[in-house]
Protein backbone atom coordinates (compact mmCIF):
# COMPACT_ATOMS: atom_id res chain seq x y z
CA UNK A 1 0.15 -0.04 0.09
CA UNK A 2 2.89 2.30 0.78
CA UNK A 3 4.35 1.73 -2.40
CA UNK A 4 1.14 2.81 -4.20
CA UNK A 5 1.26 6.01 -2.17
CA UNK A 6 4.72 7.01 -2.82
CA UNK A 7 4.78 5.91 -6.38
CA UNK A 8 3.72 9.34 -7.64
CA UNK A 9 6.81 11.02 -5.72
CA UNK A 10 9.19 8.73 -7.87
CA UNK A 11 7.31 9.20 -11.21
CA UNK A 12 6.98 13.08 -11.00
CA UNK A 13 10.28 13.84 -9.26
CA UNK A 14 11.87 14.77 -12.29
CA UNK A 15 10.03 17.41 -14.86
CA UNK A 16 11.49 16.60 -18.24
CA UNK A 17 12.08 19.65 -20.56
CA UNK A 18 9.59 19.21 -23.43
CA UNK A 19 12.25 20.90 -25.88
CA UNK A 20 14.83 18.22 -25.23
CA UNK A 21 14.17 15.11 -27.47
CA UNK A 22 16.35 12.89 -29.29
CA UNK A 23 15.60 11.67 -32.95
CA UNK A 24 12.74 9.20 -32.01
CA UNK A 25 10.98 12.02 -30.20
CA UNK A 26 11.45 10.44 -26.81
CA UNK A 27 12.27 12.85 -24.20
CA UNK A 28 15.81 12.96 -22.96
CA UNK A 29 16.56 14.96 -19.76
CA UNK A 30 18.85 17.66 -21.22
CA UNK A 31 20.22 18.65 -17.75
CA UNK A 32 19.56 16.44 -14.80
CA UNK A 33 19.31 18.97 -11.93
CA UNK A 34 19.65 16.93 -8.43
CA UNK A 35 18.12 20.35 -6.78
CA UNK A 36 15.03 20.04 -8.79
CA UNK A 37 14.49 16.54 -8.02
CA UNK A 38 14.94 16.78 -4.35
CA UNK A 39 12.71 19.80 -4.29
CA UNK A 40 10.02 17.93 -6.21
CA UNK A 41 10.63 14.89 -3.84
CA UNK A 42 10.03 17.36 -0.66
CA UNK A 43 7.01 18.91 -2.14
CA UNK A 44 5.18 15.56 -2.86
CA UNK A 45 6.20 14.41 0.66
CA UNK A 46 4.74 17.47 2.15
CA UNK A 47 1.78 17.37 0.47
CA UNK A 48 1.30 13.44 1.59
CA UNK A 49 2.01 14.60 5.15
CA UNK A 50 -0.69 17.21 5.19
CA UNK A 51 -3.07 14.73 3.56
CA UNK A 52 -2.01 12.30 6.61
CA UNK A 53 -2.29 15.26 8.92
CA UNK A 54 -6.15 15.91 7.88
CA UNK A 55 -6.85 12.50 8.28
CA UNK A 56 -5.36 12.30 11.81
CA UNK A 57 -7.23 15.30 12.82
CA UNK A 58 -10.71 13.69 11.34
CA UNK A 59 -9.89 10.49 13.11
CA UNK A 60 -9.15 12.25 16.55
CA UNK A 61 -12.50 14.21 15.98
CA UNK A 62 -14.11 10.79 15.82
CA UNK A 63 -12.19 9.50 18.84
CA UNK A 64 -13.53 12.57 20.83
CA UNK A 65 -17.01 11.94 19.62
CA UNK A 66 -17.12 8.25 20.73
CA UNK A 67 -15.31 8.67 23.94
CA UNK A 68 -18.40 9.38 25.82
CA UNK A 69 -16.60 11.05 28.69
CA UNK A 70 -14.26 8.26 29.43
CA UNK A 71 -11.11 9.82 30.53
CA UNK A 72 -8.52 7.33 28.93
CA UNK A 73 -10.37 7.65 25.36
CA UNK A 74 -10.27 11.66 25.84
CA UNK A 75 -6.75 11.64 26.76
CA UNK A 76 -5.67 9.36 23.72
CA UNK A 77 -7.99 11.78 21.42
CA UNK A 78 -6.08 14.65 22.95
CA UNK A 79 -2.73 13.21 22.36
CA UNK A 80 -3.61 12.44 18.77
CA UNK A 81 -4.45 16.12 18.10
CA UNK A 82 -1.16 17.06 19.57
CA UNK A 83 1.03 14.56 17.61
CA UNK A 84 -0.79 15.79 14.55
CA UNK A 85 -0.01 19.37 15.11
CA UNK A 86 3.59 18.41 15.80
CA UNK A 87 3.63 16.35 12.68
CA UNK A 88 2.33 19.34 10.43
CA UNK A 89 4.81 22.01 12.12
CA UNK A 90 7.87 19.22 11.64
CA UNK A 91 6.66 18.77 7.94
CA UNK A 92 6.34 22.78 7.43
CA UNK A 93 9.67 23.07 9.05
CA UNK A 94 11.51 20.50 6.69
CA UNK A 95 9.92 21.96 3.55
CA UNK A 96 11.06 25.37 4.82
CA UNK A 97 14.73 23.73 5.22
CA UNK A 98 14.54 22.39 1.81
CA UNK A 99 13.64 25.51 0.35
CA UNK A 100 16.37 27.37 2.09
CA UNK A 101 19.08 25.02 0.96
CA UNK A 102 17.71 25.27 -2.47
CA UNK A 103 18.27 29.06 -2.35
CA UNK A 104 21.89 28.68 -1.31
CA UNK A 105 22.82 25.94 -3.80
CA UNK A 106 21.27 27.89 -6.48
CA UNK A 107 22.96 31.05 -5.71
CA UNK A 108 26.38 29.39 -6.29
């Protein structure tokens, strides 16, 4: 299942230049930019993490609704919300770090 989710990251990691084709008409990467590939992978990973965070928030809300006042279940739902927020913050920070490194590398 994880392979099916991660497959677009690998497939769309490189955006081929449509102007660079060989004699058969097949696209050939004219200049394989490592920074662009890493940026594309980070963007797809960030999107997947945001989708996972939304699912986690919905699941935590469901847990709150079905807790029926039981302290153990309420605490579990609260911790799930906290972990989801931490996950979103970490993924946003990692996306920012990739952007910062990309900016430094592209200046050289």
